[in-house]
PDB file of N, CA and C in Angstrom:
ATOM      1  N   UNK A   1      77.779  95.827  80.188  1.00  0.00           N
ATOM      2  CA  UNK A   1      78.779  95.030  80.689  1.00  0.00           C
ATOM      3  C   UNK A   1      79.811  95.989  80.966  1.00  0.00           C
ATOM      4  N   UNK A   2      80.382  95.470  82.269  1.00  0.00           N
ATOM      5  CA  UNK A   2      81.544  96.456  83.136  1.00  0.00           C
ATOM      6  C   UNK A   2      82.723  96.533  82.584  1.00  0.00           C
ATOM      7  N   UNK A   3      83.570  97.228  82.353  1.00  0.00           N
ATOM      8  CA  UNK A   3      84.805  97.520  81.779  1.00  0.00           C
ATOM      9  C   UNK A   3      85.700  96.659  82.840  1.00  0.00           C
ATOM     10  N   UNK A   4      86.688  96.262  82.074  1.00  0.00           N
ATOM     11  CA  UNK A   4      87.460  95.441  82.898  1.00  0.00           C
ATOM     12  C   UNK A   4      88.843  96.555  83.655  1.00  0.00           C
ATOM     13  N   UNK A   5      89.455  96.318  84.707  1.00  0.00           N
ATOM     14  CA  UNK A   5      90.190  97.097  85.525  1.00  0.00           C
ATOM     15  C   UNK A   5      91.632  96.550  85.783  1.00  0.00           C
ATOM     16  N   UNK A   6      92.532  97.473  85.113  1.00  0.00           N
ATOM     17  CA  UNK A   6      94.035  97.223  85.366  1.00  0.00           C
ATOM     18  C   UNK A   6      94.297  98.319  86.259  1.00  0.00           C
ATOM     19  N   UNK A   7      95.486  97.234  87.130  1.00  0.00           N
ATOM     20  CA  UNK A   7      95.774  97.988  88.067  1.00  0.00           C
ATOM     21  C   UNK A   7      97.338  97.822  87.704  1.00  0.00           C
ATOM     22  N   UNK A   8      98.260  99.061  87.682  1.00  0.00           N
ATOM     23  CA  UNK A   8      99.480  99.101  87.970  1.00  0.00           C
ATOM     24  C   UNK A   8     100.204  99.827  88.984  1.00  0.00           C
ATOM     25  N   UNK A   9     101.255  99.182  89.308  1.00  0.00           N
ATOM     26  CA  UNK A   9     102.128  99.765  90.375  1.00  0.00           C
ATOM     27  C   UNK A   9     103.952 100.150  89.531  1.00  0.00           C
ATOM     28  N   UNK A  10     104.251 101.307  89.674  1.00  0.00           N
ATOM     29  CA  UNK A  10     105.288 101.583  89.326  1.00  0.00           C
ATOM     30  C   UNK A  10     106.078 102.384  90.468  1.00  0.00           C
ATOM     31  N   UNK A  11     107.280 101.376  91.086  1.00  0.00           N
ATOM     32  CA  UNK A  11     108.342 101.903  91.538  1.00  0.00           C
ATOM     33  C   UNK A  11     109.542 102.111  91.022  1.00  0.00           C
ATOM     34  N   UNK A  12     109.698 102.756  90.004  1.00  0.00           N
ATOM     35  CA  UNK A  12     111.368 102.830  89.704  1.00  0.00           C
ATOM     36  C   UNK A  12     111.252 104.509  89.108  1.00  0.00           C
ATOM     37  N   UNK A  13     112.489 105.014  88.925  1.00  0.00           N
ATOM     38  CA  UNK A  13     112.736 106.142  88.689  1.00  0.00           C
ATOM     39  C   UNK A  13     112.521 106.834  87.632  1.00  0.00           C
ATOM     40  N   UNK A  14     112.147 107.924  87.123  1.00  0.00           N
ATOM     41  CA  UNK A  14     111.985 108.676  85.633  1.00  0.00           C
ATOM     42  C   UNK A  14     112.676 107.797  84.521  1.00  0.00           C
ATOM     43  N   UNK A  15     114.002 107.625  84.644  1.00  0.00           N
ATOM     44  CA  UNK A  15     115.162 107.224  83.400  1.00  0.00           C
ATOM     45  C   UNK A  15     114.659 105.379  83.580  1.00  0.00           C
ATOM     46  N   UNK A  16     114.175 105.032  84.290  1.00  0.00           N
ATOM     47  CA  UNK A  16     114.356 103.544  83.729  1.00  0.00           C
ATOM     48  C   UNK A  16     112.926 103.074  82.668  1.00  0.00           C
ATOM     49  N   UNK A  17     113.272 102.118  81.844  1.00  0.00           N
ATOM     50  CA  UNK A  17     112.515 101.716  80.775  1.00  0.00           C
ATOM     51  C   UNK A  17     111.272 101.734  80.858  1.00  0.00           C
ATOM     52  N   UNK A  18     110.852 100.897  82.221  1.00  0.00           N
ATOM     53  CA  UNK A  18     109.187 100.818  82.785  1.00  0.00           C
ATOM     54  C   UNK A  18     108.752 101.833  82.709  1.00  0.00           C
ATOM     55  N   UNK A  19     108.996 103.120  82.601  1.00  0.00           N
ATOM     56  CA  UNK A  19     108.200 104.131  82.840  1.00  0.00           C
ATOM     57  C   UNK A  19     107.507 104.385  81.907  1.00  0.00           C
ATOM     58  N   UNK A  20     108.028 104.176  80.298  1.00  0.00           N
ATOM     59  CA  UNK A  20     107.286 104.493  78.917  1.00  0.00           C
ATOM     60  C   UNK A  20     106.545 103.149  79.239  1.00  0.00           C
ATOM     61  N   UNK A  21     107.061 102.100  79.646  1.00  0.00           N
ATOM     62  CA  UNK A  21     105.993 100.974  79.103  1.00  0.00           C
ATOM     63  C   UNK A  21     104.868 100.813  79.919  1.00  0.00           C
ATOM     64  N   UNK A  22     104.956 101.615  81.243  1.00  0.00           N
ATOM     65  CA  UNK A  22     103.561 101.620  81.771  1.00  0.00           C
ATOM     66  C   UNK A  22     102.883 102.870  81.492  1.00  0.00           C
ATOM     67  N   UNK A  23     103.148 103.706  80.765  1.00  0.00           N
ATOM     68  CA  UNK A  23     102.664 105.013  80.173  1.00  0.00           C
ATOM     69  C   UNK A  23     101.914 104.148  78.748  1.00  0.00           C
ATOM     70  N   UNK A  24     102.747 103.331  78.179  1.00  0.00           N
ATOM     71  CA  UNK A  24     102.111 102.657  76.831  1.00  0.00           C
ATOM     72  C   UNK A  24     100.727 101.938  77.139  1.00  0.00           C
ATOM     73  N   UNK A  25     101.265 100.903  78.382  1.00  0.00           N
ATOM     74  CA  UNK A  25      99.978  99.937  78.740  1.00  0.00           C
ATOM     75  C   UNK A  25      99.021 100.830  79.146  1.00  0.00           C
ATOM     76  N   UNK A  26      98.971 101.605  79.603  1.00  0.00           N
ATOM     77  CA  UNK A  26      97.751 102.576  80.312  1.00  0.00           C
ATOM     78  C   UNK A  26      96.964 103.006  79.162  1.00  0.00           C
ATOM     79  N   UNK A  27      98.240 103.797  77.958  1.00  0.00           N
ATOM     80  CA  UNK A  27      97.194 104.256  76.725  1.00  0.00           C
ATOM     81  C   UNK A  27      96.373 103.448  76.500  1.00  0.00           C
ATOM     82  N   UNK A  28      96.980 102.408  75.782  1.00  0.00           N
ATOM     83  CA  UNK A  28      96.501 101.059  75.320  1.00  0.00           C
ATOM     84  C   UNK A  28      95.024 100.417  76.408  1.00  0.00           C
ATOM     85  N   UNK A  29      95.040 100.848  77.309  1.00  0.00           N
ATOM     86  CA  UNK A  29      94.180 100.160  78.377  1.00  0.00           C
ATOM     87  C   UNK A  29      92.744 101.260  78.092  1.00  0.00           C
ATOM     88  N   UNK A  30      93.073 102.348  78.202  1.00  0.00           N
ATOM     89  CA  UNK A  30      92.192 103.453  77.939  1.00  0.00           C
ATOM     90  C   UNK A  30      91.720 103.569  76.742  1.00  0.00           C
ATOM     91  N   UNK A  31      92.645 102.989  75.636  1.00  0.00           N
ATOM     92  CA  UNK A  31      91.560 102.901  74.300  1.00  0.00           C
ATOM     93  C   UNK A  31      90.878 101.656  74.104  1.00  0.00           C
ATOM     94  N   UNK A  32      90.838 100.848  75.016  1.00  0.00           N
ATOM     95  CA  UNK A  32      89.913  99.658  74.928  1.00  0.00           C
ATOM     96  C   UNK A  32      89.146 100.023  76.247  1.00  0.00           C
ATOM     97  N   UNK A  33      88.780 101.320  76.821  1.00  0.00           N
ATOM     98  CA  UNK A  33      87.878 101.557  77.650  1.00  0.00           C
ATOM     99  C   UNK A  33      87.901 101.036  78.893  1.00  0.00           C
ATOM    100  N   UNK A  34      89.032 100.449  79.012  1.00  0.00           N
ATOM    101  CA  UNK A  34      89.372  99.694  80.573  1.00  0.00           C
ATOM    102  C   UNK A  34      89.752 100.900  81.527  1.00  0.00           C
ATOM    103  N   UNK A  35      89.185 100.661  82.826  1.00  0.00           N
ATOM    104  CA  UNK A  35      89.685 101.701  83.771  1.00  0.00           C
ATOM    105  C   UNK A  35      90.969 101.179  84.620  1.00  0.00           C
ATOM    106  N   UNK A  36      91.820 102.426  84.658  1.00  0.00           N
ATOM    107  CA  UNK A  36      93.087 102.178  84.761  1.00  0.00           C
ATOM    108  C   UNK A  36      93.445 102.634  86.280  1.00  0.00           C
ATOM    109  N   UNK A  37      94.101 101.780  87.066  1.00  0.00           N
ATOM    110  CA  UNK A  37      94.669 102.134  88.560  1.00  0.00           C
ATOM    111  C   UNK A  37      96.176 102.371  88.356  1.00  0.00           C
ATOM    112  N   UNK A  38      96.539 103.488  88.514  1.00  0.00           N
ATOM    113  CA  UNK A  38      98.040 103.507  88.898  1.00  0.00           C
ATOM    114  C   UNK A  38      98.494 104.113  89.818  1.00  0.00           C
ATOM    115  N   UNK A  39      99.292 103.575  90.653  1.00  0.00           N
ATOM    116  CA  UNK A  39      99.891 103.609  91.691  1.00  0.00           C
ATOM    117  C   UNK A  39     101.458 103.720  91.867  1.00  0.00           C
ATOM    118  N   UNK A  40     102.184 104.959  92.371  1.00  0.00           N
ATOM    119  CA  UNK A  40     103.309 105.255  92.216  1.00  0.00           C
ATOM    120  C   UNK A  40     104.115 105.312  93.979  1.00  0.00           C
ATOM    121  N   UNK A  41     105.197 104.629  94.080  1.00  0.00           N
ATOM    122  CA  UNK A  41     105.375 103.810  95.067  1.00  0.00           C
ATOM    123  C   UNK A  41     107.077 103.931  95.164  1.00  0.00           C
ATOM    124  N   UNK A  42     107.725 104.318  96.145  1.00  0.00           N
ATOM    125  CA  UNK A  42     108.862 104.574  95.884  1.00  0.00           C
ATOM    126  C   UNK A  42     109.842 105.052  95.203  1.00  0.00           C
ATOM    127  N   UNK A  43     110.635 104.981  94.322  1.00  0.00           N
ATOM    128  CA  UNK A  43     111.501 106.151  93.614  1.00  0.00           C
ATOM    129  C   UNK A  43     110.305 106.263  92.406  1.00  0.00           C
ATOM    130  N   UNK A  44     109.168 105.378  92.231  1.00  0.00           N
ATOM    131  CA  UNK A  44     108.348 105.681  91.233  1.00  0.00           C
ATOM    132  C   UNK A  44     107.400 107.082  91.333  1.00  0.00           C
ATOM    133  N   UNK A  45     107.712 107.568  92.447  1.00  0.00           N
ATOM    134  CA  UNK A  45     107.132 108.807  92.890  1.00  0.00           C
ATOM    135  C   UNK A  45     107.554 110.105  92.227  1.00  0.00           C
ATOM    136  N   UNK A  46     108.600 109.557  91.814  1.00  0.00           N
ATOM    137  CA  UNK A  46     109.301 110.860  91.231  1.00  0.00           C
ATOM    138  C   UNK A  46     108.883 111.272  89.892  1.00  0.00           C
ATOM    139  N   UNK A  47     107.698 110.129  89.329  1.00  0.00           N
ATOM    140  CA  UNK A  47     106.945 110.633  87.984  1.00  0.00           C
ATOM    141  C   UNK A  47     106.178 111.475  87.998  1.00  0.00           C
ATOM    142  N   UNK A  48     105.757 111.711  89.542  1.00  0.00           N
ATOM    143  CA  UNK A  48     104.188 112.587  89.574  1.00  0.00           C
ATOM    144  C   UNK A  48     104.384 113.741  88.609  1.00  0.00           C
ATOM    145  N   UNK A  49     105.404 114.362  88.435  1.00  0.00           N
ATOM    146  CA  UNK A  49     105.568 115.442  87.632  1.00  0.00           C
ATOM    147  C   UNK A  49     105.619 115.549  86.020  1.00  0.00           C
ATOM    148  N   UNK A  50     105.732 114.281  85.776  1.00  0.00           N
ATOM    149  CA  UNK A  50     106.075 113.667  84.352  1.00  0.00           C
ATOM    150  C   UNK A  50     104.807 114.207  83.471  1.00  0.00           C
ATOM    151  N   UNK A  51     104.992 115.188  82.353  1.00  0.00           N
ATOM    152  CA  UNK A  51     103.965 115.508  81.824  1.00  0.00           C
ATOM    153  C   UNK A  51     103.249 114.379  81.170  1.00  0.00           C
ATOM    154  N   UNK A  52     103.400 113.334  80.898  1.00  0.00           N
ATOM    155  CA  UNK A  52     102.861 111.848  80.331  1.00  0.00           C
ATOM    156  C   UNK A  52     101.839 111.592  81.153  1.00  0.00           C
ATOM    157  N   UNK A  53     102.416 111.258  82.711  1.00  0.00           N
ATOM    158  CA  UNK A  53     101.462 110.884  83.884  1.00  0.00           C
ATOM    159  C   UNK A  53     100.450 111.733  84.138  1.00  0.00           C
ATOM    160  N   UNK A  54     100.418 112.880  83.608  1.00  0.00           N
ATOM    161  CA  UNK A  54      99.357 114.109  83.932  1.00  0.00           C
ATOM    162  C   UNK A  54      98.614 114.111  82.804  1.00  0.00           C
ATOM    163  N   UNK A  55      98.828 114.096  81.800  1.00  0.00           N
ATOM    164  CA  UNK A  55      98.053 113.337  80.672  1.00  0.00           C
ATOM    165  C   UNK A  55      96.813 112.525  81.123  1.00  0.00           C
ATOM    166  N   UNK A  56      97.869 111.322  81.691  1.00  0.00           N
ATOM    167  CA  UNK A  56      96.844 109.992  81.896  1.00  0.00           C
ATOM    168  C   UNK A  56      95.908 110.165  82.879  1.00  0.00           C
ATOM    169  N   UNK A  57      96.404 110.882  83.876  1.00  0.00           N
ATOM    170  CA  UNK A  57      95.250 111.447  84.983  1.00  0.00           C
ATOM    171  C   UNK A  57      93.947 112.229  84.274  1.00  0.00           C
ATOM    172  N   UNK A  58      94.688 113.308  83.388  1.00  0.00           N
ATOM    173  CA  UNK A  58      93.655 114.235  83.113  1.00  0.00           C
ATOM    174  C   UNK A  58      92.686 113.147  82.233  1.00  0.00           C
ATOM    175  N   UNK A  59      93.113 111.785  81.465  1.00  0.00           N
ATOM    176  CA  UNK A  59      92.451 111.153  80.526  1.00  0.00           C
ATOM    177  C   UNK A  59      91.711 110.079  81.170  1.00  0.00           C
ATOM    178  N   UNK A  60      91.489 110.049  82.543  1.00  0.00           N
ATOM    179  CA  UNK A  60      90.688 108.925  82.968  1.00  0.00           C
ATOM    180  C   UNK A  60      91.737 108.181  83.914  1.00  0.00           C
ATOM    181  N   UNK A  61      92.906 108.123  83.848  1.00  0.00           N
ATOM    182  CA  UNK A  61      93.437 107.283  84.722  1.00  0.00           C
ATOM    183  C   UNK A  61      93.418 107.769  86.221  1.00  0.00           C
ATOM    184  N   UNK A  62      93.237 106.614  87.294  1.00  0.00           N
ATOM    185  CA  UNK A  62      93.218 106.944  88.465  1.00  0.00           C
ATOM    186  C   UNK A  62      94.617 106.813  88.940  1.00  0.00           C
ATOM    187  N   UNK A  63      95.357 108.083  89.199  1.00  0.00           N
ATOM    188  CA  UNK A  63      96.472 107.885  89.568  1.00  0.00           C
ATOM    189  C   UNK A  63      96.804 108.166  90.593  1.00  0.00           C
ATOM    190  N   UNK A  64      97.647 107.520  91.776  1.00  0.00           N
ATOM    191  CA  UNK A  64      98.298 107.540  93.306  1.00  0.00           C
ATOM    192  C   UNK A  64      99.113 107.446  93.278  1.00  0.00           C
ATOM    193  N   UNK A  65      99.679 108.368  94.338  1.00  0.00           N
ATOM    194  CA  UNK A  65     101.039 108.352  94.523  1.00  0.00           C
ATOM    195  C   UNK A  65     101.107 108.455  95.969  1.00  0.00           C
ATOM    196  N   UNK A  66     102.077 107.450  96.572  1.00  0.00           N
ATOM    197  CA  UNK A  66     102.589 107.179  97.911  1.00  0.00           C
ATOM    198  C   UNK A  66     103.058 108.946  98.631  1.00  0.00           C
ATOM    199  N   UNK A  67     102.330 108.964  99.697  1.00  0.00           N
ATOM    200  CA  UNK A  67     102.807 110.140 100.065  1.00  0.00           C
ATOM    201  C   UNK A  67     103.662 109.926 100.842  1.00  0.00           C
ATOM    202  N   UNK A  68     103.979 109.286 101.649  1.00  0.00           N
ATOM    203  CA  UNK A  68     105.193 108.845 102.266  1.00  0.00           C
ATOM    204  C   UNK A  68     106.489 108.396 101.412  1.00  0.00           C
ATOM    205  N   UNK A  69     106.168 108.008 100.213  1.00  0.00           N
ATOM    206  CA  UNK A  69     107.586 107.924  99.230  1.00  0.00           C
ATOM    207  C   UNK A  69     107.622 109.335  98.594  1.00  0.00           C
ATOM    208  N   UNK A  70     106.501 110.285  98.431  1.00  0.00           N
ATOM    209  CA  UNK A  70     107.370 111.639  98.277  1.00  0.00           C
ATOM    210  C   UNK A  70     107.992 112.217  99.231  1.00  0.00           C
ATOM    211  N   UNK A  71     107.902 112.219 100.643  1.00  0.00           N
ATOM    212  CA  UNK A  71     108.162 112.812 101.567  1.00  0.00           C
ATOM    213  C   UNK A  71     109.624 112.322 101.924  1.00  0.00           C
ATOM    214  N   UNK A  72     109.937 110.975 101.383  1.00  0.00           N
ATOM    215  CA  UNK A  72     111.343 110.240 101.519  1.00  0.00           C
ATOM    216  C   UNK A  72     111.886 110.423 100.773  1.00  0.00           C
ATOM    217  N   UNK A  73     111.632 110.681  99.049  1.00  0.00           N
ATOM    218  CA  UNK A  73     112.553 111.050  97.951  1.00  0.00           C
ATOM    219  C   UNK A  73     112.297 112.463  97.657  1.00  0.00           C
ATOM    220  N   UNK A  74     112.004 113.270  98.992  1.00  0.00           N
ATOM    221  CA  UNK A  74     111.864 114.494  98.791  1.00  0.00           C
ATOM    222  C   UNK A  74     111.010 115.177  97.234  1.00  0.00           C
ATOM    223  N   UNK A  75     109.991 114.480  97.075  1.00  0.00           N
ATOM    224  CA  UNK A  75     109.171 114.637  95.927  1.00  0.00           C
ATOM    225  C   UNK A  75     108.326 116.310  96.233  1.00  0.00           C
ATOM    226  N   UNK A  76     108.325 117.196  95.837  1.00  0.00           N
ATOM    227  CA  UNK A  76     107.314 118.415  96.202  1.00  0.00           C
ATOM    228  C   UNK A  76     106.172 118.172  95.408  1.00  0.00           C
ATOM    229  N   UNK A  77     105.284 118.128  96.326  1.00  0.00           N
ATOM    230  CA  UNK A  77     104.008 118.102  96.297  1.00  0.00           C
ATOM    231  C   UNK A  77     102.524 119.291  95.856  1.00  0.00           C
ATOM    232  N   UNK A  78     103.453 120.032  96.292  1.00  0.00           N
ATOM    233  CA  UNK A  78     102.267 121.580  96.184  1.00  0.00           C
ATOM    234  C   UNK A  78     102.134 121.701  94.769  1.00  0.00           C
ATOM    235  N   UNK A  79     101.026 122.091  94.442  1.00  0.00           N
ATOM    236  CA  UNK A  79     100.703 122.239  92.713  1.00  0.00           C
ATOM    237  C   UNK A  79     100.454 121.072  91.951  1.00  0.00           C
ATOM    238  N   UNK A  80     100.385 120.059  92.668  1.00  0.00           N
ATOM    239  CA  UNK A  80      99.997 118.679  91.607  1.00  0.00           C
ATOM    240  C   UNK A  80      98.877 118.720  91.463  1.00  0.00           C
ATOM    241  N   UNK A  81      98.430 117.999  90.181  1.00  0.00           N
ATOM    242  CA  UNK A  81      97.075 118.004  89.686  1.00  0.00           C
ATOM    243  C   UNK A  81      96.107 117.472  90.663  1.00  0.00           C
ATOM    244  N   UNK A  82      94.848 117.963  90.461  1.00  0.00           N
ATOM    245  CA  UNK A  82      93.768 117.288  91.677  1.00  0.00           C
ATOM    246  C   UNK A  82      93.488 116.157  90.923  1.00  0.00           C
ATOM    247  N   UNK A  83      93.606 115.679  89.990  1.00  0.00           N
ATOM    248  CA  UNK A  83      93.380 114.188  89.649  1.00  0.00           C
ATOM    249  C   UNK A  83      94.278 113.277  90.384  1.00  0.00           C
ATOM    250  N   UNK A  84      95.598 113.729  90.485  1.00  0.00           N
ATOM    251  CA  UNK A  84      96.204 112.506  91.362  1.00  0.00           C
ATOM    252  C   UNK A  84      96.137 112.619  93.011  1.00  0.00           C
ATOM    253  N   UNK A  85      95.805 111.520  93.461  1.00  0.00           N
ATOM    254  CA  UNK A  85      95.390 111.480  94.680  1.00  0.00           C
ATOM    255  C   UNK A  85      97.163 110.818  95.650  1.00  0.00           C
ATOM    256  N   UNK A  86      97.338 111.784  96.783  1.00  0.00           N
ATOM    257  CA  UNK A  86      98.320 111.461  97.654  1.00  0.00           C
ATOM    258  C   UNK A  86      97.924 110.613  98.755  1.00  0.00           C
ATOM    259  N   UNK A  87      97.997 109.417  98.565  1.00  0.00           N
ATOM    260  CA  UNK A  87      97.452 108.343  99.437  1.00  0.00           C
ATOM    261  C   UNK A  87      98.503 107.450 100.516  1.00  0.00           C
ATOM    262  N   UNK A  88      98.106 106.475 101.334  1.00  0.00           N
ATOM    263  CA  UNK A  88      98.851 105.457 101.706  1.00  0.00           C
ATOM    264  C   UNK A  88      98.691 104.276 101.285  1.00  0.00           C
ATOM    265  N   UNK A  89      99.403 103.066 101.865  1.00  0.00           N
ATOM    266  CA  UNK A  89      99.468 101.257 101.470  1.00  0.00           C
ATOM    267  C   UNK A  89      97.898 101.286 101.454  1.00  0.00           C
ATOM    268  N   UNK A  90      96.983 101.384 102.167  1.00  0.00           N
ATOM    269  CA  UNK A  90      95.808 100.951 102.173  1.00  0.00           C
ATOM    270  C   UNK A  90      95.114 100.950 100.503  1.00  0.00           C
ATOM    271  N   UNK A  91      95.392 102.111 100.258  1.00  0.00           N
ATOM    272  CA  UNK A  91      94.763 102.198  98.852  1.00  0.00           C
ATOM    273  C   UNK A  91      95.381 101.140  97.541  1.00  0.00           C
ATOM    274  N   UNK A  92      96.689 101.210  98.142  1.00  0.00           N
ATOM    275  CA  UNK A  92      97.326 100.179  97.026  1.00  0.00           C
ATOM    276  C   UNK A  92      96.730  98.555  97.357  1.00  0.00           C
ATOM    277  N   UNK A  93      96.131  98.547  98.530  1.00  0.00           N
ATOM    278  CA  UNK A  93      95.869  96.996  98.646  1.00  0.00           C
ATOM    279  C   UNK A  93      94.256  97.047  98.002  1.00  0.00           C
ATOM    280  N   UNK A  94      93.715  97.986  98.153  1.00  0.00           N
ATOM    281  CA  UNK A  94      92.347  98.014  97.567  1.00  0.00           C
ATOM    282  C   UNK A  94      92.290  97.930  96.124  1.00  0.00           C
ATOM    283  N   UNK A  95      93.400  98.964  95.327  1.00  0.00           N
ATOM    284  CA  UNK A  95      93.363  98.408  93.878  1.00  0.00           C
ATOM    285  C   UNK A  95      93.830  97.204  93.412  1.00  0.00           C
ATOM    286  N   UNK A  96      94.353  96.470  94.322  1.00  0.00           N
ATOM    287  CA  UNK A  96      94.716  95.329  94.330  1.00  0.00           C
ATOM    288  C   UNK A  96      93.940  94.221  94.158  1.00  0.00           C
ATOM    289  N   UNK A  97      93.020  94.380  95.095  1.00  0.00           N
ATOM    290  CA  UNK A  97      91.550  93.266  95.458  1.00  0.00           C
ATOM    291  C   UNK A  97      90.882  93.816  94.260  1.00  0.00           C
ATOM    292  N   UNK A  98      90.574  94.578  93.760  1.00  0.00           N
ATOM    293  CA  UNK A  98      89.339  95.605  92.947  1.00  0.00           C
ATOM    294  C   UNK A  98      89.755  95.169  91.774  1.00  0.00           C
ATOM    295  N   UNK A  99      90.986  94.770  91.194  1.00  0.00           N
ATOM    296  CA  UNK A  99      91.313  94.859  89.631  1.00  0.00           C
ATOM    297  C   UNK A  99      91.410  93.827  89.286  1.00  0.00           C
ATOM    298  N   UNK A 100      91.157  93.383  87.852  1.00  0.00           N
ATOM    299  CA  UNK A 100      91.002  91.989  87.297  1.00  0.00           C
ATOM    300  C   UNK A 100      92.334  91.729  86.681  1.00  0.00           C
ATOM    301  N   UNK A 101      93.277  92.721  86.521  1.00  0.00           N
ATOM    302  CA  UNK A 101      94.688  92.331  86.564  1.00  0.00           C
ATOM    303  C   UNK A 101      95.300  93.273  87.522  1.00  0.00           C
ATOM    304  N   UNK A 102      96.209  92.959  87.857  1.00  0.00           N
ATOM    305  CA  UNK A 102      97.642  93.714  88.402  1.00  0.00           C
ATOM    306  C   UNK A 102      99.195  93.466  88.265  1.00  0.00           C
ATOM    307  N   UNK A 103      99.635  94.576  87.765  1.00  0.00           N
ATOM    308  CA  UNK A 103     100.961  94.433  87.431  1.00  0.00           C
ATOM    309  C   UNK A 103     102.111  95.326  87.839  1.00  0.00           C
ATOM    310  N   UNK A 104     102.843  94.726  88.293  1.00  0.00           N
ATOM    311  CA  UNK A 104     103.765  95.264  89.426  1.00  0.00           C
ATOM    312  C   UNK A 104     104.985  95.672  88.343  1.00  0.00           C
ATOM    313  N   UNK A 105     105.589  96.729  88.235  1.00  0.00           N
ATOM    314  CA  UNK A 105     107.109  97.223  87.765  1.00  0.00           C
ATOM    315  C   UNK A 105     107.946  97.732  88.555  1.00  0.00           C
ATOM    316  N   UNK A 106     108.832  97.099  88.733  1.00  0.00           N
ATOM    317  CA  UNK A 106     109.788  97.178  89.965  1.00  0.00           C
ATOM    318  C   UNK A 106     111.385  97.081  89.896  1.00  0.00           C
TER     319      UNK A 106
END
């Protein structure tokens, strides 16, 4: 039986309470052996250097960050983990199509 796929979109800055919610949802999904796809967009890209999100990527969450959003919000991308992919919106579209559930935190 294949694992369920959970897609998450995070577009809020680090101080927003949804940042914690997405982290805990991702942990719970990993615990159930689900595949987790997390896309950071808009101000959500500011979470790219959050240690918790780096940990999620190291544990198997497929973490993507909008390259344009990083540029627009002056988020440095030098030295980010090779487990985090910088990409565009076409990847987000693919995540939405491929996942069993998709939740947006905006």
